[in-house]
Each structure stands twice: as C-alpha cells, then as structure tokens.
Amino acid sequence: MQDFKNNLRKRGRVFLFFLILALLLGGVSWKVCQTAADHEEWVHYRNKSALLLRKEPKNSIDVLILGDSLSYTAFSPMQMWNKHGIAAFVGGQSGQNIQESYYMLKTAFENQKPRLVLLETNVIFRPQRGNSGLTMTLAA
C-alpha cells in the first residue's frame, strides 16, 4: 500500500511539473507573438505580409492578391482604391510558392471575407525537387 502511495505521489509530481512547464511555455510563446506583432521589424521578411494581413481591420479587404513577385509588381492597391474605391491587399512576395500562397489565404480567411481572390499562376508552375515541397509545407 505504501509503495502505491509513493508511486502515485511521484507520478503526480511529474504530471504537475509538465503541466507547469506547458503553461510557462505557452505563456512565453503568446507574449513573444504579441511583442512581434507590435514590432514589425522583428518579424522574418517572409512572414511580414501575413502579419500585416492580420493587422487589417476585420472584413476591410475586397480583393486579395497572392503570388510571387509578378503579383506585387503588377498590382497597386492605392491605385485601385483611388480610381475605383476597391480595397485591395497584395500578399505576394518574391519567390512565393504555392504552399506560402495557401497559408496566406488561410490567414486571410481568419478575419477577412474578400469578394475576390487573385492567384498569380506562376506559383503553380514553380518547380520543386525532391522533398522540398513537403519540407516547405511543414515549415510554414
């Protein structure tokens, strides 16, 4: 009986340790994410478009443009706004692959309901050799 109680105490301590560890890691992770959102220059350049997209007011984007450098050099959101009153967001970046476009779209749908999504199709034909596509998907 005594062994059972000691064993239960040890397991309880281990469980409590991992519970406290998980809470601390979760809290620190949340705080780092909030701080990074406030300091745009701390964010990796590949993630800045997603951060800026999250900062947009809810349901304020009519057109979302995704793709590689052809998308962000071909469309001007300010010109679309000034000439036609269309609120657009260009989430394209140089060398963007289809996985990054997918996750950008997923991020956009968290708080936006764009009427139109334009995907610059060069990202579909970008060659990926070996496991690079899987690696990029898991890394994003």
N, C-alpha and C. Protein backbone atom coordinates (compact mmCIF):
# COMPACT_ATOMS: atom_id res chain seq x y z
N MET A 1 0.82 -1.20 0.00
CA MET A 1 0.00 0.00 0.00
C MET A 1 0.86 1.27 0.00
N GLN A 2 1.95 1.20 0.80
CA GLN A 2 2.85 2.34 0.90
C GLN A 2 3.52 2.61 -0.45
N ASP A 3 3.91 1.54 -1.16
CA ASP A 3 4.53 1.70 -2.48
C ASP A 3 3.57 2.35 -3.47
N PHE A 4 2.32 1.98 -3.37
CA PHE A 4 1.31 2.56 -4.26
C PHE A 4 1.18 4.06 -4.03
N LYS A 5 1.16 4.48 -2.77
CA LYS A 5 1.05 5.91 -2.44
C LYS A 5 2.30 6.67 -2.91
N ASN A 6 3.47 6.09 -2.70
CA ASN A 6 4.71 6.75 -3.14
C ASN A 6 4.76 6.86 -4.66
N ASN A 7 4.34 5.79 -5.32
CA ASN A 7 4.31 5.78 -6.78
C ASN A 7 3.33 6.83 -7.29
N LEU A 8 2.17 6.94 -6.66
CA LEU A 8 1.17 7.94 -7.04
C LEU A 8 1.69 9.36 -6.82
N ARG A 9 2.39 9.59 -5.74
CA ARG A 9 2.97 10.91 -5.47
C ARG A 9 4.01 11.28 -6.52
N LYS A 10 4.86 10.33 -6.86
CA LYS A 10 5.89 10.59 -7.88
C LYS A 10 5.25 10.93 -9.22
N ARG A 11 4.25 10.17 -9.60
CA ARG A 11 3.56 10.45 -10.86
C ARG A 11 2.84 11.80 -10.81
N GLY A 12 2.28 12.12 -9.67
CA GLY A 12 1.62 13.42 -9.52
C GLY A 12 2.60 14.57 -9.65
N ARG A 13 3.79 14.41 -9.08
CA ARG A 13 4.82 15.45 -9.18
C ARG A 13 5.29 15.62 -10.63
N VAL A 14 5.49 14.50 -11.31
CA VAL A 14 5.91 14.55 -12.71
C VAL A 14 4.84 15.23 -13.55
N PHE A 15 3.58 14.85 -13.33
CA PHE A 15 2.47 15.47 -14.06
C PHE A 15 2.40 16.97 -13.78
N LEU A 16 2.53 17.35 -12.51
CA LEU A 16 2.49 18.76 -12.14
C LEU A 16 3.64 19.53 -12.77
N PHE A 17 4.83 18.93 -12.80
CA PHE A 17 5.99 19.57 -13.43
C PHE A 17 5.71 19.86 -14.90
N PHE A 18 5.22 18.85 -15.63
CA PHE A 18 4.96 19.05 -17.05
C PHE A 18 3.80 20.00 -17.30
N LEU A 19 2.82 20.02 -16.43
CA LEU A 19 1.72 20.97 -16.55
C LEU A 19 2.23 22.40 -16.39
N ILE A 20 3.04 22.63 -15.37
CA ILE A 20 3.60 23.97 -15.15
C ILE A 20 4.51 24.36 -16.31
N LEU A 21 5.31 23.41 -16.80
CA LEU A 21 6.19 23.68 -17.94
C LEU A 21 5.39 24.07 -19.17
N ALA A 22 4.31 23.34 -19.45
CA ALA A 22 3.47 23.64 -20.62
C ALA A 22 2.83 25.02 -20.48
N LEU A 23 2.35 25.35 -19.29
CA LEU A 23 1.75 26.67 -19.08
C LEU A 23 2.77 27.79 -19.25
N LEU A 24 3.97 27.59 -18.73
CA LEU A 24 5.02 28.60 -18.89
C LEU A 24 5.41 28.77 -20.35
N LEU A 25 5.62 27.67 -21.05
CA LEU A 25 5.98 27.76 -22.47
C LEU A 25 4.86 28.39 -23.29
N GLY A 26 3.63 28.04 -23.00
CA GLY A 26 2.50 28.64 -23.71
C GLY A 26 2.41 30.14 -23.46
N GLY A 27 2.60 30.55 -22.21
CA GLY A 27 2.55 31.97 -21.87
C GLY A 27 3.67 32.77 -22.51
N VAL A 28 4.87 32.23 -22.46
CA VAL A 28 6.02 32.91 -23.07
C VAL A 28 5.83 32.99 -24.58
N SER A 29 5.37 31.91 -25.19
CA SER A 29 5.13 31.90 -26.63
C SER A 29 4.09 32.94 -27.02
N TRP A 30 3.00 33.03 -26.27
CA TRP A 30 1.96 34.01 -26.55
C TRP A 30 2.52 35.43 -26.44
N LYS A 31 3.32 35.69 -25.41
CA LYS A 31 3.88 37.02 -25.21
C LYS A 31 4.85 37.38 -26.33
N VAL A 32 5.66 36.43 -26.78
CA VAL A 32 6.59 36.69 -27.88
C VAL A 32 5.82 37.01 -29.15
N CYS A 33 4.74 36.28 -29.42
CA CYS A 33 3.93 36.55 -30.61
C CYS A 33 3.30 37.94 -30.54
N GLN A 34 2.80 38.33 -29.38
CA GLN A 34 2.20 39.66 -29.23
C GLN A 34 3.25 40.75 -29.40
N THR A 35 4.43 40.55 -28.85
CA THR A 35 5.51 41.53 -28.98
C THR A 35 5.96 41.64 -30.43
N ALA A 36 6.07 40.52 -31.12
CA ALA A 36 6.48 40.55 -32.53
C ALA A 36 5.44 41.26 -33.37
N ALA A 37 4.16 41.12 -33.03
CA ALA A 37 3.11 41.81 -33.78
C ALA A 37 3.23 43.32 -33.62
N ASP A 38 3.72 43.77 -32.48
CA ASP A 38 3.89 45.20 -32.24
C ASP A 38 5.17 45.75 -32.86
N HIS A 39 6.15 44.90 -33.09
CA HIS A 39 7.44 45.31 -33.64
C HIS A 39 7.66 44.59 -34.96
N GLU A 40 7.16 45.19 -36.00
CA GLU A 40 7.20 44.59 -37.34
C GLU A 40 8.61 44.26 -37.81
N GLU A 41 9.59 45.04 -37.39
CA GLU A 41 10.97 44.82 -37.85
C GLU A 41 11.58 43.55 -37.26
N TRP A 42 10.97 42.97 -36.23
CA TRP A 42 11.47 41.74 -35.63
C TRP A 42 11.01 40.50 -36.39
N VAL A 43 10.04 40.66 -37.26
CA VAL A 43 9.44 39.53 -37.95
C VAL A 43 10.25 39.21 -39.21
N HIS A 44 10.44 37.94 -39.47
CA HIS A 44 11.16 37.49 -40.67
C HIS A 44 10.45 38.02 -41.91
N TYR A 45 11.21 38.43 -42.91
CA TYR A 45 10.63 39.09 -44.08
C TYR A 45 9.61 38.21 -44.80
N ARG A 46 9.73 36.90 -44.72
CA ARG A 46 8.77 36.01 -45.38
C ARG A 46 7.43 36.00 -44.66
N ASN A 47 7.38 36.46 -43.42
CA ASN A 47 6.14 36.44 -42.65
C ASN A 47 5.50 37.81 -42.49
N LYS A 48 6.13 38.85 -43.02
CA LYS A 48 5.61 40.21 -42.82
C LYS A 48 4.25 40.41 -43.48
N SER A 49 4.05 39.85 -44.65
CA SER A 49 2.75 40.02 -45.32
C SER A 49 1.63 39.42 -44.49
N ALA A 50 1.88 38.26 -43.90
CA ALA A 50 0.86 37.62 -43.06
C ALA A 50 0.59 38.46 -41.81
N LEU A 51 1.64 39.03 -41.23
CA LEU A 51 1.46 39.89 -40.06
C LEU A 51 0.65 41.13 -40.42
N LEU A 52 0.98 41.76 -41.53
CA LEU A 52 0.24 42.95 -41.96
C LEU A 52 -1.21 42.61 -42.29
N LEU A 53 -1.44 41.43 -42.83
CA LEU A 53 -2.79 40.99 -43.14
C LEU A 53 -3.60 40.80 -41.87
N ARG A 54 -2.97 40.27 -40.83
CA ARG A 54 -3.67 40.09 -39.55
C ARG A 54 -4.01 41.43 -38.90
N LYS A 55 -3.20 42.46 -39.18
CA LYS A 55 -3.42 43.77 -38.58
C LYS A 55 -4.54 44.57 -39.27
N GLU A 56 -4.95 44.14 -40.45
CA GLU A 56 -6.02 44.84 -41.17
C GLU A 56 -7.33 44.74 -40.39
N PRO A 57 -8.15 45.80 -40.40
CA PRO A 57 -9.46 45.72 -39.73
C PRO A 57 -10.30 44.60 -40.32
N LYS A 58 -11.15 44.02 -39.50
CA LYS A 58 -11.97 42.88 -39.93
C LYS A 58 -12.85 43.25 -41.12
N ASN A 59 -12.88 42.35 -42.10
CA ASN A 59 -13.70 42.49 -43.31
C ASN A 59 -13.48 43.81 -44.04
N SER A 60 -12.24 44.25 -44.13
CA SER A 60 -11.94 45.52 -44.80
C SER A 60 -11.31 45.34 -46.18
N ILE A 61 -11.08 44.11 -46.59
CA ILE A 61 -10.41 43.84 -47.87
C ILE A 61 -11.42 43.27 -48.86
N ASP A 62 -11.51 43.92 -50.03
CA ASP A 62 -12.39 43.44 -51.09
C ASP A 62 -11.68 42.47 -52.03
N VAL A 63 -10.40 42.74 -52.30
CA VAL A 63 -9.62 41.92 -53.23
C VAL A 63 -8.32 41.52 -52.55
N LEU A 64 -8.03 40.22 -52.56
CA LEU A 64 -6.78 39.70 -52.02
C LEU A 64 -5.97 39.15 -53.19
N ILE A 65 -4.73 39.62 -53.30
CA ILE A 65 -3.87 39.23 -54.42
C ILE A 65 -2.68 38.44 -53.86
N LEU A 66 -2.52 37.22 -54.35
CA LEU A 66 -1.46 36.34 -53.89
C LEU A 66 -0.60 35.91 -55.07
N GLY A 67 0.64 35.57 -54.79
CA GLY A 67 1.53 35.08 -55.84
C GLY A 67 2.95 35.54 -55.61
N ASP A 68 3.78 35.32 -56.61
CA ASP A 68 5.19 35.71 -56.47
C ASP A 68 5.38 37.18 -56.86
N SER A 69 6.57 37.55 -57.22
CA SER A 69 6.89 38.96 -57.47
C SER A 69 6.07 39.58 -58.59
N LEU A 70 5.57 38.77 -59.50
CA LEU A 70 4.71 39.33 -60.55
C LEU A 70 3.43 39.93 -59.97
N SER A 71 2.95 39.36 -58.88
CA SER A 71 1.71 39.88 -58.28
C SER A 71 1.93 41.22 -57.59
N TYR A 72 3.03 41.34 -56.85
CA TYR A 72 3.19 42.61 -56.13
C TYR A 72 3.80 43.71 -56.99
N THR A 73 4.32 43.37 -58.16
CA THR A 73 4.78 44.44 -59.05
C THR A 73 3.71 44.85 -60.05
N ALA A 74 2.71 44.01 -60.27
CA ALA A 74 1.69 44.31 -61.28
C ALA A 74 0.47 45.03 -60.71
N PHE A 75 0.20 44.89 -59.41
CA PHE A 75 -0.99 45.49 -58.82
C PHE A 75 -0.62 46.57 -57.82
N SER A 76 -1.36 47.66 -57.87
CA SER A 76 -1.16 48.76 -56.93
C SER A 76 -2.45 48.96 -56.14
N PRO A 77 -2.46 48.57 -54.86
CA PRO A 77 -3.68 48.75 -54.06
C PRO A 77 -4.12 50.21 -53.96
N MET A 78 -3.17 51.12 -53.88
CA MET A 78 -3.54 52.54 -53.77
C MET A 78 -4.20 53.03 -55.05
N GLN A 79 -3.70 52.59 -56.19
CA GLN A 79 -4.32 52.99 -57.45
C GLN A 79 -5.73 52.40 -57.56
N MET A 80 -5.91 51.16 -57.14
CA MET A 80 -7.24 50.55 -57.17
C MET A 80 -8.20 51.30 -56.25
N TRP A 81 -7.69 51.75 -55.10
CA TRP A 81 -8.53 52.48 -54.16
C TRP A 81 -8.87 53.87 -54.69
N ASN A 82 -7.86 54.58 -55.20
CA ASN A 82 -8.09 55.95 -55.68
C ASN A 82 -8.98 56.00 -56.92
N LYS A 83 -8.80 55.08 -57.85
CA LYS A 83 -9.57 55.11 -59.09
C LYS A 83 -10.94 54.46 -58.99
N HIS A 84 -11.03 53.36 -58.22
CA HIS A 84 -12.26 52.57 -58.23
C HIS A 84 -12.88 52.37 -56.85
N GLY A 85 -12.21 52.78 -55.79
CA GLY A 85 -12.74 52.60 -54.45
C GLY A 85 -12.71 51.15 -53.98
N ILE A 86 -11.80 50.36 -54.52
CA ILE A 86 -11.69 48.95 -54.17
C ILE A 86 -10.53 48.78 -53.19
N ALA A 87 -10.84 48.23 -52.02
CA ALA A 87 -9.80 47.96 -51.02
C ALA A 87 -9.12 46.64 -51.36
N ALA A 88 -7.83 46.71 -51.68
CA ALA A 88 -7.09 45.52 -52.07
C ALA A 88 -5.88 45.33 -51.16
N PHE A 89 -5.46 44.10 -51.04
CA PHE A 89 -4.26 43.76 -50.27
C PHE A 89 -3.42 42.82 -51.12
N VAL A 90 -2.16 43.19 -51.31
CA VAL A 90 -1.25 42.34 -52.07
C VAL A 90 -0.41 41.53 -51.08
N GLY A 91 -0.65 40.23 -51.06
CA GLY A 91 0.09 39.34 -50.17
C GLY A 91 1.19 38.59 -50.89
N GLY A 92 1.54 39.04 -52.08
CA GLY A 92 2.59 38.38 -52.85
C GLY A 92 3.96 38.76 -52.33
N GLN A 93 4.92 37.90 -52.59
CA GLN A 93 6.30 38.15 -52.21
C GLN A 93 7.21 37.44 -53.20
N SER A 94 8.43 37.88 -53.26
CA SER A 94 9.34 37.30 -54.25
C SER A 94 9.54 35.81 -54.01
N GLY A 95 9.39 35.04 -55.07
CA GLY A 95 9.60 33.60 -54.99
C GLY A 95 8.56 32.85 -54.17
N GLN A 96 7.40 33.44 -53.97
CA GLN A 96 6.37 32.76 -53.19
C GLN A 96 5.96 31.46 -53.87
N ASN A 97 5.90 30.39 -53.09
CA ASN A 97 5.48 29.12 -53.67
C ASN A 97 4.02 28.85 -53.31
N ILE A 98 3.47 27.78 -53.82
CA ILE A 98 2.05 27.51 -53.66
C ILE A 98 1.68 27.26 -52.19
N GLN A 99 2.61 26.68 -51.42
CA GLN A 99 2.33 26.46 -50.00
C GLN A 99 2.20 27.78 -49.25
N GLU A 100 3.09 28.72 -49.55
CA GLU A 100 3.01 30.02 -48.90
C GLU A 100 1.73 30.75 -49.31
N SER A 101 1.33 30.61 -50.56
CA SER A 101 0.07 31.22 -51.01
C SER A 101 -1.11 30.62 -50.26
N TYR A 102 -1.08 29.31 -50.08
CA TYR A 102 -2.16 28.63 -49.35
C TYR A 102 -2.26 29.14 -47.92
N TYR A 103 -1.13 29.21 -47.22
CA TYR A 103 -1.16 29.66 -45.83
C TYR A 103 -1.50 31.14 -45.72
N MET A 104 -1.13 31.93 -46.70
CA MET A 104 -1.52 33.34 -46.71
C MET A 104 -3.04 33.45 -46.87
N LEU A 105 -3.60 32.63 -47.75
CA LEU A 105 -5.06 32.62 -47.94
C LEU A 105 -5.76 32.15 -46.67
N LYS A 106 -5.21 31.14 -46.03
CA LYS A 106 -5.78 30.63 -44.78
C LYS A 106 -5.74 31.72 -43.70
N THR A 107 -4.64 32.46 -43.64
CA THR A 107 -4.52 33.57 -42.69
C THR A 107 -5.55 34.66 -43.00
N ALA A 108 -5.74 34.94 -44.27
CA ALA A 108 -6.69 35.98 -44.66
C ALA A 108 -8.11 35.62 -44.25
N PHE A 109 -8.47 34.36 -44.39
CA PHE A 109 -9.83 33.94 -44.07
C PHE A 109 -10.12 33.91 -42.57
N GLU A 110 -9.09 34.13 -41.75
CA GLU A 110 -9.32 34.20 -40.30
C GLU A 110 -10.16 35.41 -39.93
N ASN A 111 -9.94 36.56 -40.59
CA ASN A 111 -10.72 37.75 -40.24
C ASN A 111 -11.14 38.59 -41.44
N GLN A 112 -10.98 38.06 -42.64
CA GLN A 112 -11.38 38.78 -43.85
C GLN A 112 -12.34 37.93 -44.67
N LYS A 113 -13.17 38.61 -45.43
CA LYS A 113 -14.05 37.94 -46.39
C LYS A 113 -13.92 38.66 -47.73
N PRO A 114 -12.79 38.45 -48.42
CA PRO A 114 -12.61 39.16 -49.69
C PRO A 114 -13.63 38.69 -50.73
N ARG A 115 -14.08 39.62 -51.54
CA ARG A 115 -15.02 39.27 -52.61
C ARG A 115 -14.32 38.56 -53.75
N LEU A 116 -13.03 38.84 -53.90
CA LEU A 116 -12.26 38.26 -55.00
C LEU A 116 -10.85 37.93 -54.51
N VAL A 117 -10.38 36.73 -54.87
CA VAL A 117 -9.01 36.33 -54.58
C VAL A 117 -8.32 36.10 -55.91
N LEU A 118 -7.24 36.83 -56.15
CA LEU A 118 -6.46 36.66 -57.37
C LEU A 118 -5.19 35.89 -57.03
N LEU A 119 -4.99 34.77 -57.72
CA LEU A 119 -3.77 33.99 -57.54
C LEU A 119 -2.95 34.11 -58.81
N GLU A 120 -1.79 34.72 -58.70
CA GLU A 120 -0.89 34.84 -59.83
C GLU A 120 -0.35 33.44 -60.09
N THR A 121 -0.60 32.90 -61.27
CA THR A 121 -0.42 31.47 -61.52
C THR A 121 1.02 31.02 -61.71
N ASN A 122 1.97 31.91 -61.71
CA ASN A 122 3.36 31.49 -61.84
C ASN A 122 3.77 30.60 -60.66
N VAL A 123 3.13 30.79 -59.49
CA VAL A 123 3.48 29.97 -58.33
C VAL A 123 3.12 28.51 -58.53
N ILE A 124 2.14 28.24 -59.36
CA ILE A 124 1.72 26.85 -59.61
C ILE A 124 2.79 26.10 -60.39
N PHE A 125 3.48 26.79 -61.27
CA PHE A 125 4.45 26.15 -62.15
C PHE A 125 5.88 26.23 -61.63
N ARG A 126 6.08 26.72 -60.43
CA ARG A 126 7.42 26.80 -59.86
C ARG A 126 7.90 25.38 -59.53
N PRO A 127 9.03 24.96 -60.10
CA PRO A 127 9.47 23.58 -59.87
C PRO A 127 9.95 23.37 -58.43
N GLN A 128 9.62 22.22 -57.89
CA GLN A 128 10.09 21.83 -56.56
C GLN A 128 10.65 20.43 -56.68
N ARG A 129 11.90 20.28 -56.34
CA ARG A 129 12.57 18.99 -56.50
C ARG A 129 12.58 18.23 -55.18
N GLY A 130 12.44 16.94 -55.27
CA GLY A 130 12.56 16.07 -54.10
C GLY A 130 11.50 16.35 -53.06
N ASN A 131 11.96 16.44 -51.83
CA ASN A 131 11.05 16.66 -50.71
C ASN A 131 10.87 18.12 -50.37
N SER A 132 11.33 19.04 -51.22
CA SER A 132 11.27 20.46 -50.88
C SER A 132 9.84 20.93 -50.71
N GLY A 133 8.90 20.42 -51.49
CA GLY A 133 7.50 20.82 -51.33
C GLY A 133 6.96 20.40 -49.98
N LEU A 134 7.26 19.17 -49.57
CA LEU A 134 6.82 18.69 -48.26
C LEU A 134 7.50 19.47 -47.15
N THR A 135 8.79 19.72 -47.30
CA THR A 135 9.53 20.48 -46.30
C THR A 135 8.97 21.89 -46.16
N MET A 136 8.67 22.54 -47.28
CA MET A 136 8.11 23.90 -47.23
C MET A 136 6.74 23.89 -46.58
N THR A 137 5.94 22.87 -46.85
CA THR A 137 4.61 22.78 -46.25
C THR A 137 4.72 22.62 -44.74
N LEU A 138 5.61 21.77 -44.28
CA LEU A 138 5.77 21.56 -42.85
C LEU A 138 6.39 22.76 -42.16
N ALA A 139 7.25 23.50 -42.85
CA ALA A 139 7.90 24.67 -42.25
C ALA A 139 6.96 25.85 -42.14
N ALA A 140 5.96 25.93 -43.00
CA ALA A 140 5.05 27.08 -42.99
C ALA A 140 4.06 26.96 -41.92
